[in-house]
Every structure is written in C-alpha cells, then in structure tokens.
N, C-alpha and C. Protein backbone atom coordinates (compact mmCIF):
# COMPACT_ATOMS: atom_id res chain seq x y z
N MET A 1 0.70 -1.13 -0.07
CA MET A 1 0.02 0.03 0.10
C MET A 1 0.71 1.31 -0.13
N LEU A 2 0.55 2.19 -0.94
CA LEU A 2 1.26 3.36 -0.90
C LEU A 2 0.99 4.30 0.16
N ASN A 3 1.73 4.84 0.67
CA ASN A 3 1.66 5.86 1.86
C ASN A 3 1.54 7.43 1.16
N ILE A 4 0.87 8.15 1.08
CA ILE A 4 0.76 9.45 0.21
C ILE A 4 1.05 10.48 1.45
N ALA A 5 1.80 11.54 0.82
CA ALA A 5 2.16 12.87 1.77
C ALA A 5 0.83 13.73 1.58
N SER A 6 0.84 14.57 2.56
CA SER A 6 0.02 15.60 2.77
C SER A 6 0.07 16.63 1.98
N TYR A 7 -0.72 17.59 2.26
CA TYR A 7 -0.66 19.04 1.23
C TYR A 7 0.67 19.66 1.73
N THR A 8 1.53 19.32 2.66
CA THR A 8 2.81 20.10 2.93
C THR A 8 3.84 19.33 1.99
N ALA A 9 3.69 18.35 1.04
CA ALA A 9 4.61 17.54 0.34
C ALA A 9 5.35 18.67 -0.42
N ILE A 10 4.85 19.68 -1.06
CA ILE A 10 5.82 20.66 -1.84
C ILE A 10 6.71 21.31 -0.78
N ALA A 11 6.44 21.86 0.29
CA ALA A 11 7.43 22.33 1.16
C ALA A 11 8.34 21.54 1.67
N ASP A 12 7.90 20.19 2.05
CA ASP A 12 8.88 19.12 2.46
C ASP A 12 9.78 18.88 1.53
N ALA A 13 9.53 18.78 0.27
CA ALA A 13 10.45 18.25 -0.94
C ALA A 13 11.70 19.32 -0.96
N GLY A 14 11.34 20.61 -0.86
CA GLY A 14 12.47 21.64 -0.88
C GLY A 14 13.06 21.48 0.22
N ALA A 15 12.57 21.31 1.77
CA ALA A 15 13.32 21.14 3.07
C ALA A 15 14.26 19.88 2.87
N SER A 16 13.59 18.71 2.16
CA SER A 16 14.33 17.49 2.03
C SER A 16 15.66 17.65 1.34
N ILE A 17 15.76 18.44 0.19
CA ILE A 17 16.77 18.65 -0.69
C ILE A 17 17.80 19.51 0.12
N VAL A 18 17.28 20.82 0.91
CA VAL A 18 18.09 21.31 1.73
C VAL A 18 18.81 20.53 2.77
N GLU A 19 18.18 19.80 3.65
CA GLU A 19 18.54 18.69 4.47
C GLU A 19 19.80 17.92 3.67
N LEU A 20 19.77 17.48 2.73
CA LEU A 20 20.59 16.63 2.08
C LEU A 20 22.01 17.70 1.73
N LEU A 21 22.09 18.75 1.29
CA LEU A 21 22.87 19.58 1.00
C LEU A 21 23.50 20.09 2.24
N ARG A 22 22.89 20.35 3.11
CA ARG A 22 23.36 20.67 4.35
C ARG A 22 24.25 19.61 4.83
N ASP A 23 23.69 18.51 5.21
CA ASP A 23 24.26 17.44 5.52
C ASP A 23 25.83 17.15 4.84
N THR A 24 25.59 17.39 3.58
CA THR A 24 26.95 17.05 2.89
C THR A 24 27.91 17.81 2.46
N MET A 25 27.29 19.14 2.53
CA MET A 25 28.35 20.07 1.98
C MET A 25 28.81 21.08 3.02
N THR A 26 28.57 20.95 4.31
CA THR A 26 29.13 21.42 5.48
C THR A 26 30.18 20.57 6.29
N PRO A 27 31.24 20.81 6.69
CA PRO A 27 31.67 22.62 6.71
C PRO A 27 32.48 22.74 5.68
N GLU A 28 32.45 21.89 4.56
CA GLU A 28 33.40 22.04 3.31
C GLU A 28 32.50 21.56 2.23
N PRO A 29 32.15 22.54 1.24
CA PRO A 29 32.86 23.98 1.08
C PRO A 29 32.02 25.12 1.83
N ILE A 30 31.06 24.76 2.47
CA ILE A 30 30.13 25.67 3.06
C ILE A 30 30.37 25.74 4.63
N PRO A 31 30.77 26.56 5.26
CA PRO A 31 31.13 26.64 6.68
C PRO A 31 29.88 26.35 7.76
N SER A 32 28.60 26.59 7.22
CA SER A 32 27.74 26.40 8.48
C SER A 32 26.31 25.80 7.32
N PRO A 33 25.79 25.15 8.31
CA PRO A 33 24.49 24.55 7.70
C PRO A 33 23.43 25.68 7.44
N ASP A 34 23.33 26.69 8.29
CA ASP A 34 22.70 27.83 8.15
C ASP A 34 22.82 28.65 6.81
N MET A 35 23.69 28.40 6.08
CA MET A 35 24.09 29.33 4.90
C MET A 35 23.44 28.62 3.77
N ILE A 36 22.78 27.52 4.02
CA ILE A 36 22.09 26.71 2.82
C ILE A 36 20.53 26.69 2.81
N GLY A 37 19.71 26.95 1.99
CA GLY A 37 18.53 27.05 2.43
C GLY A 37 17.54 27.50 1.14
N LEU A 38 16.39 27.65 1.50
CA LEU A 38 15.11 28.00 0.31
C LEU A 38 15.20 29.37 0.28
N CYS A 39 15.22 29.86 -0.87
CA CYS A 39 15.18 31.44 -0.91
C CYS A 39 14.96 31.95 -2.43
N SER A 40 14.42 33.26 -2.45
CA SER A 40 14.13 33.71 -3.78
C SER A 40 15.53 34.11 -4.37
N PRO A 41 15.93 34.05 -5.38
CA PRO A 41 17.58 34.86 -5.73
C PRO A 41 17.55 36.06 -5.65
N ALA A 42 16.21 36.84 -5.29
CA ALA A 42 16.18 38.38 -4.97
C ALA A 42 16.40 38.52 -3.63
N GLU A 43 16.38 37.54 -2.63
CA GLU A 43 16.42 37.84 -1.39
C GLU A 43 17.21 36.45 -0.56
N THR A 44 18.45 36.70 -0.57
CA THR A 44 19.25 35.72 -0.16
C THR A 44 19.84 35.78 1.21
N GLY A 45 19.75 36.81 1.66
CA GLY A 45 20.24 36.88 3.33
C GLY A 45 21.66 36.76 3.28
N ASP A 46 21.90 35.78 4.27
CA ASP A 46 23.35 35.49 4.56
C ASP A 46 23.65 33.96 3.87
N LEU A 47 22.65 33.33 2.96
CA LEU A 47 23.03 32.36 2.18
C LEU A 47 24.22 32.33 1.39
N GLN A 48 24.57 30.88 1.36
CA GLN A 48 25.61 30.93 0.25
C GLN A 48 25.35 29.87 -0.84
N LEU A 49 24.16 29.11 -0.61
CA LEU A 49 23.36 28.29 -1.48
C LEU A 49 21.97 28.15 -1.48
N GLY A 50 21.48 28.72 -2.37
CA GLY A 50 20.08 28.92 -2.40
C GLY A 50 19.19 28.15 -3.37
N LEU A 51 18.18 27.50 -2.79
CA LEU A 51 17.32 26.69 -3.89
C LEU A 51 15.81 27.18 -3.84
N TYR A 52 15.56 27.65 -5.01
CA TYR A 52 14.15 28.24 -5.44
C TYR A 52 13.40 27.63 -6.41
N LEU A 53 12.01 27.28 -5.85
CA LEU A 53 10.93 26.58 -6.53
C LEU A 53 10.40 27.79 -7.55
N TYR A 54 10.53 27.52 -8.87
CA TYR A 54 10.29 28.38 -9.85
C TYR A 54 8.78 28.11 -10.53
N ALA A 55 8.89 26.56 -10.66
CA ALA A 55 7.35 26.04 -11.41
C ALA A 55 6.88 24.62 -10.98
N LEU A 56 5.77 24.58 -11.05
CA LEU A 56 5.30 23.00 -10.68
C LEU A 56 4.50 22.66 -11.95
N LYS A 57 4.37 21.32 -11.99
CA LYS A 57 3.74 20.68 -13.23
C LYS A 57 2.98 19.36 -12.63
N GLU A 58 1.72 19.14 -12.87
CA GLU A 58 1.22 17.95 -12.57
C GLU A 58 1.83 16.79 -13.57
N ASN A 59 1.93 15.72 -12.90
CA ASN A 59 2.67 14.64 -13.51
C ASN A 59 1.41 13.48 -13.69
N ARG A 60 0.85 13.65 -14.81
CA ARG A 60 -0.46 12.87 -15.24
C ARG A 60 -0.05 11.44 -15.44
N GLU A 61 1.07 11.32 -15.74
CA GLU A 61 1.58 9.89 -16.07
C GLU A 61 1.76 8.95 -14.80
N TYR A 62 1.99 9.69 -13.68
CA TYR A 62 1.87 8.89 -12.43
C TYR A 62 0.34 8.38 -12.13
N ARG A 63 0.45 7.09 -11.51
CA ARG A 63 -0.84 6.51 -11.09
C ARG A 63 -0.38 5.60 -9.79
N SER A 64 -1.32 5.93 -8.78
CA SER A 64 -1.22 5.44 -7.45
C SER A 64 -1.62 3.68 -7.70
N SER A 65 -0.68 3.12 -6.79
CA SER A 65 -0.92 1.55 -6.95
C SER A 65 -2.22 1.19 -6.48
N ASP A 66 -2.83 2.01 -5.63
CA ASP A 66 -4.34 1.63 -5.06
C ASP A 66 -5.50 2.18 -5.77
N GLY A 67 -5.13 3.22 -6.93
CA GLY A 67 -5.99 3.67 -7.53
C GLY A 67 -6.79 4.90 -6.74
N GLY A 68 -6.43 5.30 -5.70
CA GLY A 68 -6.79 6.38 -4.82
C GLY A 68 -6.63 7.69 -5.65
N PRO A 69 -7.28 8.83 -5.30
CA PRO A 69 -7.11 10.10 -5.76
C PRO A 69 -5.82 10.71 -5.47
N VAL A 70 -4.94 11.06 -6.08
CA VAL A 70 -3.63 11.55 -5.86
C VAL A 70 -3.26 12.71 -6.63
N LEU A 71 -2.55 13.74 -6.24
CA LEU A 71 -2.12 14.78 -7.06
C LEU A 71 -0.38 14.63 -7.30
N ALA A 72 -0.06 14.07 -8.37
CA ALA A 72 1.60 13.65 -8.63
C ALA A 72 2.05 15.04 -9.07
N LEU A 73 3.22 15.76 -8.74
CA LEU A 73 3.53 16.89 -9.38
C LEU A 73 5.09 16.48 -9.39
N THR A 74 5.41 17.42 -10.50
CA THR A 74 6.98 17.42 -10.83
C THR A 74 7.24 19.09 -10.36
N LEU A 75 8.41 19.27 -9.37
CA LEU A 75 8.66 20.67 -9.16
C LEU A 75 10.02 20.80 -9.81
N TYR A 76 10.10 22.24 -9.99
CA TYR A 76 11.26 22.75 -10.84
C TYR A 76 12.00 23.46 -10.08
N TYR A 77 13.31 23.60 -9.96
CA TYR A 77 13.90 24.50 -9.19
C TYR A 77 15.18 25.00 -9.72
N ILE A 78 15.70 26.17 -9.19
CA ILE A 78 17.03 26.65 -9.76
C ILE A 78 17.84 26.72 -8.57
N LEU A 79 19.12 26.12 -8.69
CA LEU A 79 19.93 26.20 -7.40
C LEU A 79 21.01 27.31 -7.79
N THR A 80 21.39 28.21 -6.98
CA THR A 80 22.25 29.10 -7.07
C THR A 80 23.33 29.37 -5.98
N ALA A 81 24.43 29.56 -6.05
CA ALA A 81 25.46 29.96 -5.05
C ALA A 81 25.85 31.37 -5.18
N TYR A 82 26.18 31.80 -3.96
CA TYR A 82 26.48 33.20 -3.73
C TYR A 82 27.60 33.39 -2.82
N SER A 83 28.54 34.39 -3.10
CA SER A 83 29.57 34.60 -2.37
C SER A 83 29.63 36.12 -2.01
N ASN A 84 30.11 36.29 -0.95
CA ASN A 84 30.47 37.97 -0.68
C ASN A 84 32.08 38.18 -0.71
N ALA A 85 32.70 37.41 -1.37
CA ALA A 85 34.11 37.56 -1.71
C ALA A 85 34.37 38.85 -2.70
N ASP A 86 35.66 39.33 -2.64
CA ASP A 86 35.95 40.39 -3.45
C ASP A 86 35.57 39.98 -4.93
N ILE A 87 35.67 41.06 -5.92
CA ILE A 87 35.30 40.60 -7.30
C ILE A 87 36.02 39.72 -7.96
N GLN A 88 37.55 39.68 -7.49
CA GLN A 88 38.18 38.59 -8.07
C GLN A 88 38.13 37.29 -7.55
N GLN A 89 37.56 37.12 -6.39
CA GLN A 89 37.43 35.69 -6.13
C GLN A 89 36.14 35.30 -6.09
N ARG A 90 34.95 36.17 -6.17
CA ARG A 90 33.65 35.89 -6.23
C ARG A 90 33.31 34.74 -7.10
N SER A 91 33.68 35.05 -8.36
CA SER A 91 33.12 33.84 -9.48
C SER A 91 33.57 32.61 -8.99
N TYR A 92 34.95 32.44 -8.80
CA TYR A 92 35.58 31.11 -8.34
C TYR A 92 34.63 30.52 -7.19
N ASP A 93 34.58 31.23 -6.25
CA ASP A 93 33.77 30.77 -5.02
C ASP A 93 32.35 30.15 -5.45
N GLU A 94 31.80 31.09 -6.01
CA GLU A 94 30.36 30.54 -6.44
C GLU A 94 30.30 29.22 -7.45
N ASN A 95 31.50 29.21 -8.28
CA ASN A 95 31.31 28.08 -9.35
C ASN A 95 31.73 26.65 -8.48
N TYR A 96 32.77 27.07 -7.42
CA TYR A 96 33.05 25.82 -6.60
C TYR A 96 32.07 25.44 -5.82
N ILE A 97 31.45 26.28 -5.34
CA ILE A 97 30.17 25.74 -4.40
C ILE A 97 29.14 24.88 -5.29
N LEU A 98 28.64 25.62 -6.56
CA LEU A 98 27.83 25.23 -7.32
C LEU A 98 28.22 23.83 -7.86
N GLY A 99 29.47 23.67 -8.00
CA GLY A 99 30.02 22.34 -8.64
C GLY A 99 29.96 21.25 -7.60
N ALA A 100 30.25 21.62 -6.22
CA ALA A 100 30.03 20.70 -5.29
C ALA A 100 28.66 20.14 -5.09
N ALA A 101 27.69 21.21 -5.14
CA ALA A 101 26.19 20.97 -5.14
C ALA A 101 25.72 19.98 -5.95
N MET A 102 26.02 20.40 -7.32
CA MET A 102 25.72 19.56 -8.60
C MET A 102 26.13 17.80 -8.23
N GLN A 103 27.64 17.87 -7.67
CA GLN A 103 28.09 16.49 -7.35
C GLN A 103 27.19 15.68 -6.43
N VAL A 104 26.72 16.65 -5.40
CA VAL A 104 25.85 15.80 -4.32
C VAL A 104 24.63 15.28 -4.77
N LEU A 105 24.31 16.41 -5.58
CA LEU A 105 22.80 16.00 -6.16
C LEU A 105 22.74 14.79 -6.98
N ARG A 106 23.78 14.78 -7.86
CA ARG A 106 23.96 13.79 -8.90
C ARG A 106 24.35 12.26 -8.11
N GLU A 107 25.20 12.32 -7.15
CA GLU A 107 25.49 11.23 -6.15
C GLU A 107 24.09 10.89 -5.41
N ASN A 108 23.38 11.50 -5.09
CA ASN A 108 22.04 11.32 -4.53
C ASN A 108 20.90 11.68 -5.29
N SER A 109 20.70 11.03 -6.33
CA SER A 109 19.50 11.38 -7.35
C SER A 109 18.32 10.78 -6.83
N VAL A 110 18.15 9.89 -5.84
CA VAL A 110 17.04 9.25 -5.28
C VAL A 110 17.11 9.53 -3.89
N ILE A 111 16.15 10.56 -3.29
CA ILE A 111 16.25 10.97 -1.89
C ILE A 111 15.25 10.14 -1.18
N ASP A 112 15.70 9.25 -0.27
CA ASP A 112 14.78 8.42 0.51
C ASP A 112 14.71 8.90 1.91
N ASN A 113 14.07 8.03 2.70
CA ASN A 113 13.87 8.51 4.17
C ASN A 113 15.15 8.86 4.84
N ALA A 114 16.15 8.71 4.53
CA ALA A 114 17.38 9.26 5.33
C ALA A 114 17.38 10.82 5.34
N TYR A 115 16.79 11.46 4.33
CA TYR A 115 16.53 13.00 4.23
C TYR A 115 15.26 13.50 3.90
N LEU A 116 14.33 12.70 3.78
CA LEU A 116 12.90 13.27 3.47
C LEU A 116 12.43 13.57 4.85
N GLN A 117 11.79 15.05 4.74
CA GLN A 117 11.29 15.71 5.71
C GLN A 117 9.76 15.83 5.82
N GLY A 118 9.15 15.79 7.06
CA GLY A 118 7.81 16.06 7.11
C GLY A 118 6.76 14.85 6.50
N SER A 119 5.94 15.26 6.02
CA SER A 119 4.92 14.31 5.58
C SER A 119 5.65 13.19 4.34
N LEU A 120 6.64 13.83 3.88
CA LEU A 120 7.34 13.00 2.88
C LEU A 120 8.13 11.97 3.45
N GLY A 121 8.56 12.23 4.59
CA GLY A 121 9.40 11.05 5.31
C GLY A 121 8.57 10.14 6.00
N GLN A 122 7.22 10.44 6.26
CA GLN A 122 6.25 9.54 6.73
C GLN A 122 5.64 8.82 5.47
N SER A 123 5.89 9.07 4.33
CA SER A 123 5.14 8.44 3.19
C SER A 123 5.82 7.17 2.59
N ASN A 124 7.10 6.98 3.06
CA ASN A 124 7.83 6.07 2.60
C ASN A 124 8.08 6.02 1.24
N GLU A 125 7.69 6.98 0.42
CA GLU A 125 8.05 7.36 -1.05
C GLU A 125 9.28 8.03 -1.66
N ALA A 126 10.18 7.50 -2.03
CA ALA A 126 11.46 8.38 -2.20
C ALA A 126 11.02 9.43 -3.41
N ILE A 127 11.63 10.30 -3.43
CA ILE A 127 11.55 11.36 -4.74
C ILE A 127 12.82 11.30 -5.39
N ASN A 128 12.79 11.60 -6.55
CA ASN A 128 13.93 11.74 -7.67
C ASN A 128 14.53 13.21 -7.84
N ILE A 129 15.73 13.54 -7.98
CA ILE A 129 16.10 14.69 -8.21
C ILE A 129 17.08 14.52 -9.76
N GLN A 130 16.81 15.39 -10.52
CA GLN A 130 17.47 15.18 -11.86
C GLN A 130 17.69 16.69 -12.27
N HIS A 131 18.90 16.70 -12.84
CA HIS A 131 19.25 17.89 -13.46
C HIS A 131 18.40 18.21 -14.69
N TYR A 132 17.98 19.48 -14.72
CA TYR A 132 17.19 19.92 -15.75
C TYR A 132 17.69 21.33 -16.62
N PHE A 133 18.22 20.98 -17.81
CA PHE A 133 19.06 21.87 -18.35
C PHE A 133 18.08 23.03 -18.77
N LEU A 134 18.45 24.42 -18.37
CA LEU A 134 17.49 25.31 -18.90
C LEU A 134 18.50 26.30 -19.96
N ALA A 135 17.95 26.48 -21.14
CA ALA A 135 18.73 27.21 -22.03
C ALA A 135 19.00 28.60 -21.50
N PRO A 136 19.72 29.45 -21.96
CA PRO A 136 20.06 30.85 -21.72
C PRO A 136 18.92 31.46 -21.53
N GLU A 137 18.08 31.49 -22.77
CA GLU A 137 16.66 32.13 -22.80
C GLU A 137 15.75 31.86 -22.04
N GLU A 138 15.82 30.47 -21.65
CA GLU A 138 14.53 30.17 -20.48
C GLU A 138 15.07 30.45 -19.11
N MET A 139 16.52 30.42 -18.87
CA MET A 139 16.83 30.92 -17.46
C MET A 139 16.63 32.32 -17.40
N GLN A 140 16.80 33.20 -18.60
CA GLN A 140 16.43 34.59 -18.38
C GLN A 140 15.03 35.00 -17.97
N LYS A 141 13.94 33.90 -18.52
CA LYS A 141 12.58 33.88 -17.99
C LYS A 141 12.48 33.62 -16.84
N VAL A 142 13.29 32.72 -16.26
CA VAL A 142 13.30 32.26 -14.65
C VAL A 142 13.60 33.32 -13.89
N TRP A 143 14.87 34.23 -14.24
CA TRP A 143 15.58 34.98 -13.48
C TRP A 143 14.93 36.47 -13.65
N ILE A 144 13.68 36.78 -13.22
CA ILE A 144 12.91 38.08 -13.65
C ILE A 144 12.87 38.73 -12.53
N PHE A 145 13.93 38.99 -11.59
CA PHE A 145 14.00 39.85 -10.62
C PHE A 145 14.75 41.20 -10.81
N PRO A 146 13.89 42.33 -10.95
CA PRO A 146 14.46 43.67 -11.10
C PRO A 146 15.56 43.85 -10.28
N ASN A 147 16.69 44.60 -11.01
CA ASN A 147 17.77 45.14 -10.23
C ASN A 147 18.57 44.22 -9.30
N ILE A 148 18.39 42.85 -9.77
CA ILE A 148 19.29 41.88 -9.06
C ILE A 148 19.96 41.11 -10.48
N PRO A 149 21.41 41.15 -9.92
CA PRO A 149 22.33 40.71 -11.26
C PRO A 149 22.16 39.31 -11.47
N TYR A 150 22.27 38.78 -12.52
CA TYR A 150 22.20 37.32 -13.05
C TYR A 150 23.34 36.69 -12.16
N ARG A 151 22.96 35.41 -11.80
CA ARG A 151 24.11 34.60 -11.11
C ARG A 151 24.04 33.30 -11.70
N THR A 152 25.03 32.68 -12.04
CA THR A 152 25.01 31.34 -12.69
C THR A 152 24.32 30.58 -11.81
N SER A 153 23.14 29.87 -12.50
CA SER A 153 22.36 28.79 -11.70
C SER A 153 22.08 27.60 -12.58
N VAL A 154 21.57 26.45 -11.92
CA VAL A 154 21.31 25.30 -12.51
C VAL A 154 20.06 24.75 -12.15
N GLY A 155 19.44 24.28 -13.21
CA GLY A 155 18.14 23.67 -12.81
C GLY A 155 17.94 22.29 -12.51
N TYR A 156 16.91 22.00 -11.78
CA TYR A 156 16.59 20.58 -11.14
C TYR A 156 15.24 20.30 -11.38
N MET A 157 14.73 19.21 -11.46
CA MET A 157 13.28 18.70 -11.33
C MET A 157 13.16 17.81 -10.35
N VAL A 158 12.31 17.88 -9.48
CA VAL A 158 12.08 16.88 -8.37
C VAL A 158 10.58 16.01 -8.67
N TYR A 159 10.86 14.73 -8.56
CA TYR A 159 9.46 13.98 -8.93
C TYR A 159 9.54 12.58 -8.30
N PRO A 160 8.22 11.88 -8.32
CA PRO A 160 7.05 12.35 -8.13
C PRO A 160 6.85 12.95 -6.52
N VAL A 161 6.21 14.11 -6.45
CA VAL A 161 5.84 14.72 -5.07
C VAL A 161 4.48 14.57 -5.12
N ILE A 162 3.86 13.63 -4.26
CA ILE A 162 2.69 13.09 -4.47
C ILE A 162 1.77 13.71 -3.06
N ILE A 163 0.54 14.32 -3.49
CA ILE A 163 -0.21 14.90 -2.61
C ILE A 163 -1.62 14.03 -2.39
N ASP A 164 -1.92 13.83 -1.09
CA ASP A 164 -3.27 12.90 -1.37
C ASP A 164 -4.37 14.03 -1.68
N THR A 165 -5.46 13.71 -2.23
CA THR A 165 -6.48 14.59 -2.70
C THR A 165 -7.73 14.19 -2.04
N ASP A 166 -7.56 13.27 -1.03
CA ASP A 166 -8.83 12.81 -0.35
C ASP A 166 -9.05 13.66 0.78
N GLY A 167 -9.32 14.73 0.60
CA GLY A 167 -9.77 15.45 1.71
C GLY A 167 -8.63 16.56 2.45
N PHE A 168 -8.69 17.67 2.60
CA PHE A 168 -7.74 18.68 2.95
C PHE A 168 -8.32 18.99 4.68
N ILE A 169 -7.16 18.71 5.47
CA ILE A 169 -7.24 19.09 6.75
C ILE A 169 -6.43 20.13 7.29
N PRO A 170 -6.56 21.45 7.12
CA PRO A 170 -5.91 22.34 7.63
C PRO A 170 -5.15 22.21 9.02
N ALA A 171 -3.67 22.60 9.02
CA ALA A 171 -3.14 22.56 10.33
C ALA A 171 -3.55 23.86 11.15
N PRO A 172 -3.28 23.97 12.44
CA PRO A 172 -3.64 25.12 13.05
C PRO A 172 -2.26 26.11 12.76
N ARG A 173 -2.55 27.34 12.73
CA ARG A 173 -1.48 28.22 12.39
C ARG A 173 -0.75 28.48 13.93
N THR A 174 0.49 28.67 13.32
CA THR A 174 1.46 28.86 14.62
C THR A 174 1.40 30.36 15.02
N ARG A 175 1.29 30.71 16.32
CA ARG A 175 1.42 32.10 16.58
C ARG A 175 2.58 32.50 17.42
C-alpha cells in the first residue's frame, strides 16, 4: 500500500533537498548549515547556496498503486551559489560551491527516508532529483528579478511529489 504525503509535500520536498545539501556540504565547502536554504534569488540574506522553486507541473503519467485520488507533481528548482568575496574571488567561489552541490545531487539522485522531511518522510515514497537543463533564454525568463544581477544557476526537477487529494485538513496556524 502506498503511503501518500499531505498537502505539505511541496514544502517538504524543498526542505528535504536542503537537508541533504546541509548534511553533505558543511563544513566544506560551506562553513555552516545555516548558509544553505530555500530562498528567492532576489532575497538571499546570508545564504551561500539557495534553492528556489520556480514552477510546478502535474505529472499525469503517475498512477497510485491503489487507484486512490492523488495529485502527482514535478517540481522545478534553480540552485544558485552566492559569495560575498571580492570581485576577483567571487566567481571562483560561486562556481566551486555550485560544482560541489551538483556533485552531491548527482550522487543522491534518489532521496529516501534518510533525508525526507515532514509528510514525505512518513510516506515511505522516495523522490527523484534530476538535472534539468535550462537554455540561456529560458533561464532569463526564470531570473525575472528587477535590479538583481544574474548569477549562474542550475536547474533541477524533482518528482514524483505526491499529495493526497482525499480531503484537506488544515493545520492550526502557529502564533
């Protein structure tokens, strides 16, 4: 029987990838796990590696094994490295970090319970992460942040992220 994730699965997918990157990329090449996170390229704060969800697509080919109502999604992310080094070192640092992140994601193309967060961790359903080439023209369409200079980024797709569609039960808001 397939265990299905709740409506938090989209947020849990991003958190799962961040957890994998934090575990494998600190203290080298990134000194602290807090420097890796989910962020818009326009608002990076103190992050050195940011993961940004820019699109979602229903994966209509996916069928649940029990025939129950599910929403299967493919999530599209861009991964961007940031450095506050001087101009002569910045590009090198960003390329170094991005190369390390790409290696980690290639070596961990199936994310299972070791890193799955929230409802994904409870569902026993692994997710796949795969490099997704964005042509320069496509990347310009994704990178639509005014007054933010473009940084080299790499695209990834994550699938299947499955949400149970058999009733929505909202969680209480945190105060």
